[in-house]
N, C-alpha and C. Protein backbone atom coordinates (compact mmCIF):
# COMPACT_ATOMS: atom_id res chain seq x y z
N UNK A 1 -58.57 8.50 -40.23
CA UNK A 1 -59.75 9.34 -40.15
C UNK A 1 -60.57 9.20 -41.42
N UNK A 2 -61.86 9.41 -41.32
CA UNK A 2 -62.79 9.24 -42.44
C UNK A 2 -62.85 10.57 -43.20
N UNK A 3 -62.45 10.56 -44.47
CA UNK A 3 -62.28 11.80 -45.23
C UNK A 3 -62.98 11.77 -46.58
N UNK A 4 -63.28 12.98 -47.08
CA UNK A 4 -63.74 13.15 -48.45
C UNK A 4 -63.36 14.55 -48.92
N UNK A 5 -63.28 14.73 -50.23
CA UNK A 5 -63.03 16.04 -50.83
C UNK A 5 -64.38 16.60 -51.25
N UNK A 6 -64.56 17.92 -51.07
CA UNK A 6 -65.88 18.50 -51.31
C UNK A 6 -65.81 19.93 -51.80
N UNK A 7 -66.93 20.35 -52.35
CA UNK A 7 -67.24 21.75 -52.63
C UNK A 7 -68.33 22.13 -51.64
N UNK A 8 -68.11 23.22 -50.92
CA UNK A 8 -69.09 23.70 -49.94
C UNK A 8 -69.78 24.94 -50.49
N UNK A 9 -71.10 24.96 -50.48
CA UNK A 9 -71.80 26.17 -50.94
C UNK A 9 -71.63 27.29 -49.90
N UNK A 10 -71.66 28.54 -50.36
CA UNK A 10 -71.55 29.66 -49.42
C UNK A 10 -72.79 29.78 -48.54
N UNK A 11 -72.66 30.47 -47.43
CA UNK A 11 -73.72 30.55 -46.43
C UNK A 11 -75.03 31.10 -46.99
N UNK A 12 -74.99 32.09 -47.85
CA UNK A 12 -76.25 32.64 -48.37
C UNK A 12 -76.98 31.61 -49.26
N UNK A 13 -76.23 30.78 -49.97
CA UNK A 13 -76.84 29.72 -50.78
C UNK A 13 -77.40 28.63 -49.85
N UNK A 14 -76.71 28.34 -48.78
CA UNK A 14 -77.22 27.39 -47.79
C UNK A 14 -78.55 27.90 -47.22
N UNK A 15 -78.64 29.20 -46.95
CA UNK A 15 -79.90 29.77 -46.45
C UNK A 15 -81.02 29.61 -47.47
N UNK A 16 -80.72 29.82 -48.76
CA UNK A 16 -81.73 29.63 -49.81
C UNK A 16 -82.23 28.19 -49.81
N UNK A 17 -81.29 27.24 -49.73
CA UNK A 17 -81.68 25.84 -49.72
C UNK A 17 -82.44 25.49 -48.45
N UNK A 18 -82.04 26.04 -47.33
CA UNK A 18 -82.74 25.78 -46.06
C UNK A 18 -84.20 26.21 -46.15
N UNK A 19 -84.47 27.34 -46.80
CA UNK A 19 -85.85 27.79 -46.96
C UNK A 19 -86.63 26.81 -47.83
N UNK A 20 -86.01 26.30 -48.88
CA UNK A 20 -86.66 25.31 -49.75
C UNK A 20 -86.93 24.01 -49.00
N UNK A 21 -85.95 23.55 -48.23
CA UNK A 21 -86.11 22.31 -47.47
C UNK A 21 -87.20 22.47 -46.41
N UNK A 22 -87.32 23.65 -45.82
CA UNK A 22 -88.40 23.90 -44.85
C UNK A 22 -89.76 23.68 -45.50
N UNK A 23 -89.90 24.09 -46.76
CA UNK A 23 -91.16 23.85 -47.50
C UNK A 23 -91.35 22.36 -47.78
N UNK A 24 -90.28 21.66 -48.14
CA UNK A 24 -90.36 20.22 -48.41
C UNK A 24 -90.81 19.47 -47.16
N UNK A 25 -90.35 19.92 -46.02
CA UNK A 25 -90.67 19.24 -44.75
C UNK A 25 -92.13 19.40 -44.37
N UNK A 26 -92.85 20.28 -45.06
CA UNK A 26 -94.28 20.45 -44.81
C UNK A 26 -95.14 19.52 -45.66
N UNK A 27 -94.51 18.83 -46.62
CA UNK A 27 -95.26 17.93 -47.50
C UNK A 27 -95.69 16.68 -46.75
N UNK A 28 -96.79 16.07 -47.17
CA UNK A 28 -97.24 14.83 -46.53
C UNK A 28 -96.15 13.76 -46.59
N UNK A 29 -95.93 13.07 -45.49
CA UNK A 29 -94.94 11.99 -45.43
C UNK A 29 -93.53 12.44 -45.09
N UNK A 30 -93.32 13.74 -44.99
CA UNK A 30 -91.97 14.26 -44.75
C UNK A 30 -91.42 13.85 -43.39
N UNK A 31 -92.31 13.56 -42.45
CA UNK A 31 -91.83 13.17 -41.13
C UNK A 31 -91.18 11.79 -41.15
N UNK A 32 -91.37 11.03 -42.23
CA UNK A 32 -90.73 9.73 -42.37
C UNK A 32 -89.34 9.81 -42.97
N UNK A 33 -88.94 11.01 -43.37
CA UNK A 33 -87.61 11.22 -43.96
C UNK A 33 -86.65 11.67 -42.86
N UNK A 34 -85.38 11.36 -43.04
CA UNK A 34 -84.34 11.86 -42.14
C UNK A 34 -83.65 13.01 -42.88
N UNK A 35 -83.95 14.23 -42.49
CA UNK A 35 -83.46 15.42 -43.18
C UNK A 35 -82.04 15.73 -42.72
N UNK A 36 -81.16 15.97 -43.68
CA UNK A 36 -79.78 16.26 -43.33
C UNK A 36 -79.67 17.67 -42.77
N UNK A 37 -78.68 17.87 -41.92
CA UNK A 37 -78.49 19.17 -41.29
C UNK A 37 -77.75 20.10 -42.24
N UNK A 38 -78.18 21.34 -42.25
CA UNK A 38 -77.58 22.31 -43.18
C UNK A 38 -76.09 22.50 -42.96
N UNK A 39 -75.61 22.30 -41.74
CA UNK A 39 -74.17 22.44 -41.48
C UNK A 39 -73.36 21.40 -42.25
N UNK A 40 -74.01 20.34 -42.69
CA UNK A 40 -73.30 19.29 -43.40
C UNK A 40 -73.52 19.28 -44.90
N UNK A 41 -74.22 20.28 -45.44
CA UNK A 41 -74.51 20.27 -46.87
C UNK A 41 -73.24 20.52 -47.68
N UNK A 42 -73.01 19.66 -48.64
CA UNK A 42 -71.80 19.73 -49.46
C UNK A 42 -71.99 18.91 -50.73
N UNK A 43 -71.15 19.16 -51.69
CA UNK A 43 -71.03 18.32 -52.88
C UNK A 43 -69.78 17.48 -52.70
N UNK A 44 -69.93 16.19 -52.54
CA UNK A 44 -68.76 15.31 -52.44
C UNK A 44 -68.12 15.21 -53.82
N UNK A 45 -66.82 15.45 -53.87
CA UNK A 45 -66.06 15.27 -55.11
C UNK A 45 -65.47 13.87 -55.18
N UNK A 46 -64.90 13.42 -54.05
CA UNK A 46 -64.30 12.10 -53.97
C UNK A 46 -64.40 11.64 -52.52
N UNK A 47 -64.89 10.42 -52.33
CA UNK A 47 -64.99 9.86 -50.98
C UNK A 47 -63.80 8.95 -50.76
N UNK A 48 -63.06 9.18 -49.67
CA UNK A 48 -61.85 8.41 -49.39
C UNK A 48 -62.04 7.34 -48.32
N UNK A 49 -63.07 7.46 -47.49
CA UNK A 49 -63.26 6.51 -46.40
C UNK A 49 -62.20 6.71 -45.34
N UNK A 50 -61.87 5.63 -44.65
CA UNK A 50 -60.86 5.69 -43.59
C UNK A 50 -59.47 5.84 -44.23
N UNK A 51 -58.78 6.91 -43.86
CA UNK A 51 -57.45 7.19 -44.40
C UNK A 51 -56.46 7.17 -43.23
N UNK A 52 -55.36 6.43 -43.40
CA UNK A 52 -54.32 6.41 -42.36
C UNK A 52 -53.79 7.82 -42.14
N UNK A 53 -53.61 8.18 -40.88
CA UNK A 53 -53.13 9.53 -40.53
C UNK A 53 -51.84 9.89 -41.27
N UNK A 54 -50.97 8.90 -41.48
CA UNK A 54 -49.69 9.19 -42.13
C UNK A 54 -49.84 9.57 -43.61
N UNK A 55 -50.98 9.22 -44.23
CA UNK A 55 -51.20 9.57 -45.64
C UNK A 55 -51.82 10.96 -45.82
N UNK A 56 -52.37 11.53 -44.75
CA UNK A 56 -53.09 12.81 -44.86
C UNK A 56 -52.20 13.95 -45.35
N UNK A 57 -50.96 14.12 -44.86
CA UNK A 57 -50.14 15.22 -45.39
C UNK A 57 -49.90 15.12 -46.90
N UNK A 58 -49.60 13.93 -47.40
CA UNK A 58 -49.38 13.75 -48.84
C UNK A 58 -50.67 13.98 -49.62
N UNK A 59 -51.78 13.47 -49.09
CA UNK A 59 -53.07 13.70 -49.73
C UNK A 59 -53.36 15.19 -49.82
N UNK A 60 -53.09 15.92 -48.76
CA UNK A 60 -53.34 17.37 -48.74
C UNK A 60 -52.48 18.09 -49.78
N UNK A 61 -51.22 17.70 -49.88
CA UNK A 61 -50.33 18.31 -50.89
C UNK A 61 -50.86 18.02 -52.29
N UNK A 62 -51.21 16.80 -52.55
CA UNK A 62 -51.70 16.42 -53.88
C UNK A 62 -53.04 17.08 -54.21
N UNK A 63 -53.90 17.24 -53.21
CA UNK A 63 -55.16 17.98 -53.45
C UNK A 63 -54.86 19.43 -53.77
N UNK A 64 -53.85 20.00 -53.12
CA UNK A 64 -53.45 21.37 -53.44
C UNK A 64 -53.02 21.50 -54.89
N UNK A 65 -52.29 20.52 -55.38
CA UNK A 65 -51.86 20.53 -56.79
C UNK A 65 -53.07 20.41 -57.71
N UNK A 66 -53.99 19.51 -57.36
CA UNK A 66 -55.20 19.33 -58.17
C UNK A 66 -56.01 20.62 -58.20
N UNK A 67 -56.13 21.27 -57.07
CA UNK A 67 -56.88 22.53 -57.00
C UNK A 67 -56.20 23.62 -57.82
N UNK A 68 -54.88 23.71 -57.73
CA UNK A 68 -54.17 24.77 -58.45
C UNK A 68 -54.26 24.61 -59.96
N UNK A 69 -54.48 23.37 -60.43
CA UNK A 69 -54.61 23.11 -61.87
C UNK A 69 -56.04 23.27 -62.36
N UNK A 70 -56.96 23.61 -61.46
CA UNK A 70 -58.37 23.74 -61.82
C UNK A 70 -58.80 25.18 -61.58
N UNK A 71 -59.27 25.82 -62.62
CA UNK A 71 -59.70 27.22 -62.48
C UNK A 71 -61.01 27.31 -61.71
N UNK A 72 -61.22 28.41 -60.99
CA UNK A 72 -62.52 28.63 -60.33
C UNK A 72 -63.65 28.52 -61.36
N UNK A 73 -64.81 28.09 -60.90
CA UNK A 73 -65.93 27.90 -61.83
C UNK A 73 -67.24 28.32 -61.18
N UNK A 74 -68.22 28.56 -62.02
CA UNK A 74 -69.54 29.03 -61.58
C UNK A 74 -70.45 27.83 -61.33
N UNK A 75 -71.26 27.95 -60.27
CA UNK A 75 -72.14 26.86 -59.88
C UNK A 75 -73.38 27.43 -59.21
N UNK A 76 -74.49 26.73 -59.31
CA UNK A 76 -75.73 27.07 -58.61
C UNK A 76 -76.42 25.77 -58.24
N UNK A 77 -77.17 25.79 -57.17
CA UNK A 77 -78.03 24.64 -56.84
C UNK A 77 -79.22 24.69 -57.76
N UNK A 78 -79.66 23.52 -58.20
CA UNK A 78 -80.75 23.51 -59.17
C UNK A 78 -81.46 22.17 -59.18
N UNK A 79 -82.79 22.21 -59.10
CA UNK A 79 -83.60 21.02 -59.28
C UNK A 79 -83.39 20.00 -58.19
N UNK A 80 -83.70 18.75 -58.51
CA UNK A 80 -83.55 17.69 -57.53
C UNK A 80 -83.71 16.33 -58.15
N UNK A 81 -83.42 15.32 -57.37
CA UNK A 81 -83.53 13.95 -57.82
C UNK A 81 -83.46 13.01 -56.65
N UNK A 82 -83.36 11.72 -56.96
CA UNK A 82 -83.31 10.71 -55.91
C UNK A 82 -82.41 9.56 -56.34
N UNK A 83 -81.89 8.87 -55.34
CA UNK A 83 -81.12 7.65 -55.55
C UNK A 83 -81.77 6.54 -54.72
N UNK A 84 -81.55 5.31 -55.13
CA UNK A 84 -81.95 4.17 -54.32
C UNK A 84 -83.43 4.02 -54.10
N UNK A 85 -84.22 4.27 -55.13
CA UNK A 85 -85.68 4.13 -55.04
C UNK A 85 -86.25 4.93 -53.87
N UNK A 86 -85.80 6.17 -53.76
CA UNK A 86 -86.34 7.05 -52.74
C UNK A 86 -85.61 7.02 -51.41
N UNK A 87 -84.46 6.39 -51.38
CA UNK A 87 -83.71 6.33 -50.11
C UNK A 87 -82.84 7.57 -49.91
N UNK A 88 -82.62 8.35 -50.95
CA UNK A 88 -81.86 9.60 -50.84
C UNK A 88 -82.49 10.64 -51.77
N UNK A 89 -82.75 11.80 -51.22
CA UNK A 89 -83.30 12.93 -51.97
C UNK A 89 -82.22 14.00 -52.03
N UNK A 90 -82.03 14.58 -53.21
CA UNK A 90 -80.95 15.56 -53.36
C UNK A 90 -81.36 16.72 -54.26
N UNK A 91 -80.60 17.80 -54.13
CA UNK A 91 -80.67 18.89 -55.09
C UNK A 91 -79.42 18.79 -55.95
N UNK A 92 -79.56 19.21 -57.17
CA UNK A 92 -78.45 19.10 -58.11
C UNK A 92 -77.72 20.41 -58.29
N UNK A 93 -77.00 20.49 -59.39
CA UNK A 93 -76.20 21.68 -59.68
C UNK A 93 -76.33 22.02 -61.16
N UNK A 94 -76.16 23.30 -61.44
CA UNK A 94 -76.03 23.75 -62.82
C UNK A 94 -74.90 24.75 -62.86
N UNK A 95 -74.36 24.93 -64.02
CA UNK A 95 -73.20 25.81 -64.19
C UNK A 95 -72.13 25.05 -64.92
N UNK A 96 -70.89 25.27 -64.52
CA UNK A 96 -69.76 24.63 -65.19
C UNK A 96 -69.53 23.23 -64.60
N UNK A 97 -70.44 22.32 -64.92
CA UNK A 97 -70.35 20.95 -64.40
C UNK A 97 -69.17 20.19 -64.99
N UNK A 98 -68.73 20.59 -66.17
CA UNK A 98 -67.57 19.96 -66.78
C UNK A 98 -66.33 20.17 -65.90
N UNK A 99 -66.15 21.40 -65.43
CA UNK A 99 -65.00 21.68 -64.56
C UNK A 99 -65.17 21.01 -63.21
N UNK A 100 -66.40 20.95 -62.71
CA UNK A 100 -66.64 20.27 -61.44
C UNK A 100 -66.29 18.78 -61.55
N UNK A 101 -66.68 18.15 -62.67
CA UNK A 101 -66.33 16.73 -62.88
C UNK A 101 -64.81 16.57 -62.98
N UNK A 102 -64.16 17.50 -63.65
CA UNK A 102 -62.70 17.46 -63.76
C UNK A 102 -62.06 17.55 -62.37
N UNK A 103 -62.56 18.46 -61.53
CA UNK A 103 -62.04 18.59 -60.17
C UNK A 103 -62.27 17.30 -59.39
N UNK A 104 -63.42 16.68 -59.57
CA UNK A 104 -63.71 15.41 -58.89
C UNK A 104 -62.72 14.33 -59.35
N UNK A 105 -62.45 14.26 -60.64
CA UNK A 105 -61.49 13.28 -61.16
C UNK A 105 -60.10 13.54 -60.60
N UNK A 106 -59.72 14.81 -60.52
CA UNK A 106 -58.40 15.16 -59.99
C UNK A 106 -58.31 14.86 -58.50
N UNK A 107 -59.40 15.05 -57.76
CA UNK A 107 -59.40 14.74 -56.32
C UNK A 107 -59.27 13.24 -56.10
N UNK A 108 -59.89 12.46 -56.98
CA UNK A 108 -59.77 11.00 -56.90
C UNK A 108 -58.34 10.57 -57.26
N UNK A 109 -57.78 11.14 -58.30
CA UNK A 109 -56.42 10.80 -58.72
C UNK A 109 -55.41 11.20 -57.64
N UNK A 110 -55.63 12.33 -57.00
CA UNK A 110 -54.73 12.78 -55.93
C UNK A 110 -54.66 11.74 -54.82
N UNK A 111 -55.81 11.18 -54.48
CA UNK A 111 -55.85 10.17 -53.42
C UNK A 111 -55.07 8.92 -53.84
N UNK A 112 -55.29 8.47 -55.05
CA UNK A 112 -54.57 7.27 -55.53
C UNK A 112 -53.06 7.50 -55.48
N UNK A 113 -52.63 8.68 -55.95
CA UNK A 113 -51.19 8.99 -55.96
C UNK A 113 -50.62 9.12 -54.55
N UNK A 114 -51.48 9.49 -53.59
CA UNK A 114 -51.03 9.61 -52.20
C UNK A 114 -51.06 8.26 -51.48
N UNK A 115 -51.54 7.21 -52.15
CA UNK A 115 -51.56 5.89 -51.56
C UNK A 115 -52.85 5.52 -50.86
N UNK A 116 -53.90 6.31 -51.08
CA UNK A 116 -55.20 6.02 -50.49
C UNK A 116 -55.90 4.99 -51.37
N UNK A 117 -56.27 3.84 -50.82
CA UNK A 117 -56.97 2.84 -51.63
C UNK A 117 -58.34 3.40 -52.05
N UNK A 118 -58.63 3.35 -53.32
CA UNK A 118 -59.90 3.87 -53.84
C UNK A 118 -60.67 2.75 -54.52
N UNK A 119 -61.99 2.81 -54.38
CA UNK A 119 -62.84 1.85 -55.08
C UNK A 119 -62.83 2.18 -56.57
N UNK A 120 -63.47 1.34 -57.35
CA UNK A 120 -63.55 1.58 -58.78
C UNK A 120 -64.17 2.94 -59.06
N UNK A 121 -63.69 3.58 -60.09
CA UNK A 121 -64.18 4.91 -60.48
C UNK A 121 -65.64 4.82 -60.94
N UNK A 122 -66.44 5.77 -60.48
CA UNK A 122 -67.83 5.89 -60.94
C UNK A 122 -68.00 7.24 -61.61
N UNK A 123 -68.87 7.30 -62.58
CA UNK A 123 -69.15 8.59 -63.22
C UNK A 123 -69.68 9.56 -62.18
N UNK A 124 -69.12 10.75 -62.16
CA UNK A 124 -69.46 11.74 -61.16
C UNK A 124 -70.84 12.35 -61.43
N UNK A 125 -71.67 12.42 -60.40
CA UNK A 125 -72.99 13.04 -60.48
C UNK A 125 -73.06 14.07 -59.36
N UNK A 126 -73.05 15.35 -59.75
CA UNK A 126 -73.09 16.43 -58.76
C UNK A 126 -74.44 16.44 -58.05
N UNK A 127 -74.41 16.23 -56.74
CA UNK A 127 -75.64 16.24 -55.95
C UNK A 127 -75.32 16.61 -54.50
N UNK A 128 -76.28 17.21 -53.85
CA UNK A 128 -76.17 17.59 -52.45
C UNK A 128 -77.37 16.95 -51.75
N UNK A 129 -77.11 15.98 -50.88
CA UNK A 129 -78.19 15.21 -50.24
C UNK A 129 -78.90 16.06 -49.20
N UNK A 130 -80.24 16.10 -49.30
CA UNK A 130 -81.04 16.87 -48.34
C UNK A 130 -81.85 15.96 -47.41
N UNK A 131 -82.07 14.70 -47.80
CA UNK A 131 -82.83 13.78 -46.94
C UNK A 131 -82.51 12.34 -47.31
N UNK A 132 -82.70 11.47 -46.32
CA UNK A 132 -82.52 10.03 -46.53
C UNK A 132 -83.69 9.31 -45.88
N UNK A 133 -83.86 8.06 -46.26
CA UNK A 133 -84.88 7.22 -45.65
C UNK A 133 -84.38 5.79 -45.64
N UNK A 134 -84.70 5.06 -44.60
CA UNK A 134 -84.32 3.64 -44.55
C UNK A 134 -85.14 2.83 -45.55
N UNK A 135 -86.36 3.28 -45.79
CA UNK A 135 -87.26 2.58 -46.69
C UNK A 135 -87.44 3.37 -47.98
N UNK A 136 -87.85 2.68 -49.02
CA UNK A 136 -88.16 3.36 -50.27
C UNK A 136 -89.32 4.33 -50.04
N UNK A 137 -89.17 5.54 -50.56
CA UNK A 137 -90.17 6.59 -50.38
C UNK A 137 -90.56 7.10 -51.75
N UNK A 138 -91.81 7.45 -51.90
CA UNK A 138 -92.25 8.08 -53.14
C UNK A 138 -91.76 9.53 -53.12
N UNK A 139 -90.71 9.79 -53.86
CA UNK A 139 -90.08 11.11 -53.84
C UNK A 139 -90.67 12.06 -54.89
N UNK A 140 -91.64 11.61 -55.65
CA UNK A 140 -92.18 12.46 -56.72
C UNK A 140 -92.65 13.83 -56.22
N UNK A 141 -93.38 13.93 -55.09
CA UNK A 141 -93.80 15.26 -54.65
C UNK A 141 -92.61 16.16 -54.29
N UNK A 142 -91.57 15.57 -53.72
CA UNK A 142 -90.39 16.34 -53.34
C UNK A 142 -89.62 16.80 -54.58
N UNK A 143 -89.47 15.89 -55.53
CA UNK A 143 -88.76 16.25 -56.77
C UNK A 143 -89.54 17.29 -57.56
N UNK A 144 -90.87 17.18 -57.55
CA UNK A 144 -91.70 18.19 -58.23
C UNK A 144 -91.49 19.55 -57.59
N UNK A 145 -91.44 19.58 -56.26
CA UNK A 145 -91.23 20.85 -55.56
C UNK A 145 -89.82 21.39 -55.83
N UNK A 146 -88.83 20.51 -55.89
CA UNK A 146 -87.45 20.94 -56.14
C UNK A 146 -87.22 21.34 -57.60
N UNK A 147 -88.08 20.87 -58.50
CA UNK A 147 -87.89 21.12 -59.93
C UNK A 147 -87.65 22.59 -60.24
N UNK A 148 -88.39 23.47 -59.59
CA UNK A 148 -88.28 24.90 -59.88
C UNK A 148 -87.22 25.60 -59.02
N UNK A 149 -86.58 24.86 -58.12
CA UNK A 149 -85.61 25.50 -57.22
C UNK A 149 -84.30 25.81 -57.94
N UNK A 150 -83.86 27.05 -57.80
CA UNK A 150 -82.56 27.49 -58.32
C UNK A 150 -81.99 28.49 -57.33
N UNK A 151 -80.79 28.24 -56.88
CA UNK A 151 -80.13 29.21 -55.99
C UNK A 151 -79.43 30.26 -56.84
N UNK A 152 -78.89 31.23 -56.17
CA UNK A 152 -78.04 32.18 -56.89
C UNK A 152 -76.78 31.46 -57.34
N UNK A 153 -76.15 31.96 -58.37
CA UNK A 153 -74.91 31.39 -58.87
C UNK A 153 -73.74 31.98 -58.09
N UNK A 154 -72.77 31.14 -57.75
CA UNK A 154 -71.57 31.62 -57.07
C UNK A 154 -70.35 31.04 -57.76
N UNK A 155 -69.19 31.58 -57.41
CA UNK A 155 -67.94 31.08 -57.96
C UNK A 155 -67.31 30.13 -56.95
N UNK A 156 -67.12 28.89 -57.36
CA UNK A 156 -66.41 27.91 -56.54
C UNK A 156 -64.93 28.24 -56.67
N UNK A 157 -64.31 28.55 -55.54
CA UNK A 157 -62.90 28.95 -55.59
C UNK A 157 -62.00 28.14 -54.66
N UNK A 158 -62.57 27.06 -54.07
CA UNK A 158 -61.73 26.21 -53.24
C UNK A 158 -62.24 24.77 -53.21
N UNK A 159 -61.31 23.88 -52.96
CA UNK A 159 -61.57 22.47 -52.72
C UNK A 159 -61.33 22.27 -51.22
N UNK A 160 -62.21 21.53 -50.56
CA UNK A 160 -62.10 21.35 -49.12
C UNK A 160 -61.94 19.85 -48.81
N UNK A 161 -60.92 19.52 -48.01
CA UNK A 161 -60.77 18.17 -47.49
C UNK A 161 -61.53 18.15 -46.17
N UNK A 162 -62.51 17.24 -46.08
CA UNK A 162 -63.43 17.23 -44.94
C UNK A 162 -63.30 15.92 -44.18
N UNK A 163 -63.31 16.04 -42.86
CA UNK A 163 -63.35 14.87 -41.98
C UNK A 163 -64.79 14.63 -41.56
N UNK A 164 -65.22 13.38 -41.66
CA UNK A 164 -66.56 12.99 -41.25
C UNK A 164 -66.45 12.26 -39.92
N UNK A 165 -67.06 12.85 -38.89
CA UNK A 165 -67.10 12.23 -37.57
C UNK A 165 -68.46 11.54 -37.43
N UNK A 166 -68.45 10.22 -37.47
CA UNK A 166 -69.70 9.47 -37.43
C UNK A 166 -70.33 9.54 -36.04
N UNK A 167 -71.65 9.43 -35.97
CA UNK A 167 -72.34 9.47 -34.68
C UNK A 167 -71.86 8.34 -33.76
N UNK A 168 -71.75 8.67 -32.48
CA UNK A 168 -71.31 7.66 -31.52
C UNK A 168 -72.25 7.52 -30.33
N UNK A 169 -73.21 8.43 -30.20
CA UNK A 169 -74.06 8.44 -29.01
C UNK A 169 -75.14 7.37 -29.04
N UNK A 170 -75.49 6.91 -30.24
CA UNK A 170 -76.59 5.97 -30.35
C UNK A 170 -77.96 6.62 -30.31
N UNK A 171 -78.00 7.94 -30.27
CA UNK A 171 -79.27 8.66 -30.25
C UNK A 171 -79.87 8.59 -31.65
N UNK A 172 -81.12 8.12 -31.76
CA UNK A 172 -81.75 8.04 -33.09
C UNK A 172 -81.76 9.41 -33.77
N UNK A 173 -81.41 9.41 -35.05
CA UNK A 173 -81.42 10.64 -35.82
C UNK A 173 -80.14 11.46 -35.74
N UNK A 174 -79.20 11.04 -34.87
CA UNK A 174 -77.94 11.78 -34.79
C UNK A 174 -77.22 11.67 -36.15
N UNK A 175 -76.62 12.76 -36.58
CA UNK A 175 -75.99 12.79 -37.89
C UNK A 175 -74.49 12.99 -37.76
N UNK A 176 -73.75 12.65 -38.82
CA UNK A 176 -72.31 12.89 -38.78
C UNK A 176 -72.01 14.39 -38.60
N UNK A 177 -70.88 14.67 -38.00
CA UNK A 177 -70.39 16.04 -37.91
C UNK A 177 -69.22 16.16 -38.88
N UNK A 178 -69.17 17.27 -39.58
CA UNK A 178 -68.13 17.47 -40.57
C UNK A 178 -67.22 18.61 -40.14
N UNK A 179 -65.91 18.43 -40.40
CA UNK A 179 -64.97 19.50 -40.11
C UNK A 179 -63.96 19.60 -41.25
N UNK A 180 -63.65 20.82 -41.64
CA UNK A 180 -62.66 21.04 -42.69
C UNK A 180 -61.27 20.75 -42.14
N UNK A 181 -60.55 19.87 -42.82
CA UNK A 181 -59.17 19.52 -42.45
C UNK A 181 -58.20 20.42 -43.20
N UNK A 182 -58.54 20.72 -44.46
CA UNK A 182 -57.69 21.57 -45.30
C UNK A 182 -58.56 22.24 -46.37
N UNK A 183 -58.18 23.45 -46.72
CA UNK A 183 -58.84 24.18 -47.79
C UNK A 183 -57.75 24.58 -48.79
N UNK A 184 -58.02 24.31 -50.07
CA UNK A 184 -57.04 24.64 -51.11
C UNK A 184 -57.72 25.48 -52.19
N UNK A 185 -57.13 26.62 -52.49
CA UNK A 185 -57.67 27.55 -53.47
C UNK A 185 -57.55 26.95 -54.87
N UNK A 186 -58.56 27.23 -55.69
CA UNK A 186 -58.52 26.80 -57.08
C UNK A 186 -57.73 27.80 -57.90
N UNK A 187 -57.14 27.32 -58.98
CA UNK A 187 -56.47 28.18 -59.93
C UNK A 187 -55.07 28.59 -59.50
N UNK A 188 -54.56 29.58 -60.19
CA UNK A 188 -53.18 30.03 -59.97
C UNK A 188 -52.94 30.51 -58.55
N UNK A 189 -54.00 30.98 -57.85
CA UNK A 189 -53.83 31.45 -56.48
C UNK A 189 -53.56 30.28 -55.53
N UNK A 190 -53.91 29.05 -55.99
CA UNK A 190 -53.72 27.87 -55.14
C UNK A 190 -52.31 27.51 -55.08
C-alpha cells in the first residue's frame, strides 16, 4: 500500500485555510490550477511510497516509538510558497519547526529500521499543498495573497500513518483519497 507519515491540522484550522483558498480561487488564472481537496490537507513528514503489507506492522510500531520520543509542539499555518516554477502552491508553517523537523527525521528513520526502502534524505520543508498545475504558473499573486495568512496556533499531539489511494476512475481532476492507517500520540502518552 502507498503510505506516508503526516501531521494533520485540526478541523477548525482546515476551515480557516478553506476560507483563504476560496479567496485564492477568485484570482485571475485560478481556474487553470488544480486545487487540492481540504479532506486531503496535511503536512507530509516522510513519504514511503509502496510498502509491502508485511512491513506495515513493524513500521507502525517504530512510528509509535518515534512519536513517543517527540514531545507535542505548537504549530500554525502561515504564509505560502511554490515549488517547481509554479507547479505546486503551498502554505507553510510557523511555530516549533525544529521539533517538526525532528519528527520528520524520526519518521524517516523508523521506516528504514522497519525495512522500507527510502530514497536519499532531503532537508525537510514544512508545507501543505493547496494547488498544483501541469504547467508553470505565475504564482506571485497567490503567494502575495497567502503572505498575510496565519491560522490559529494548535498543539500537534499525534503522528498519523496515512494510506494514499490513487485515482482509478480516469475522471479528469479526480484526486487521491487519504485514510488514516494508524495514529500515534506524541510524548510520554504515546
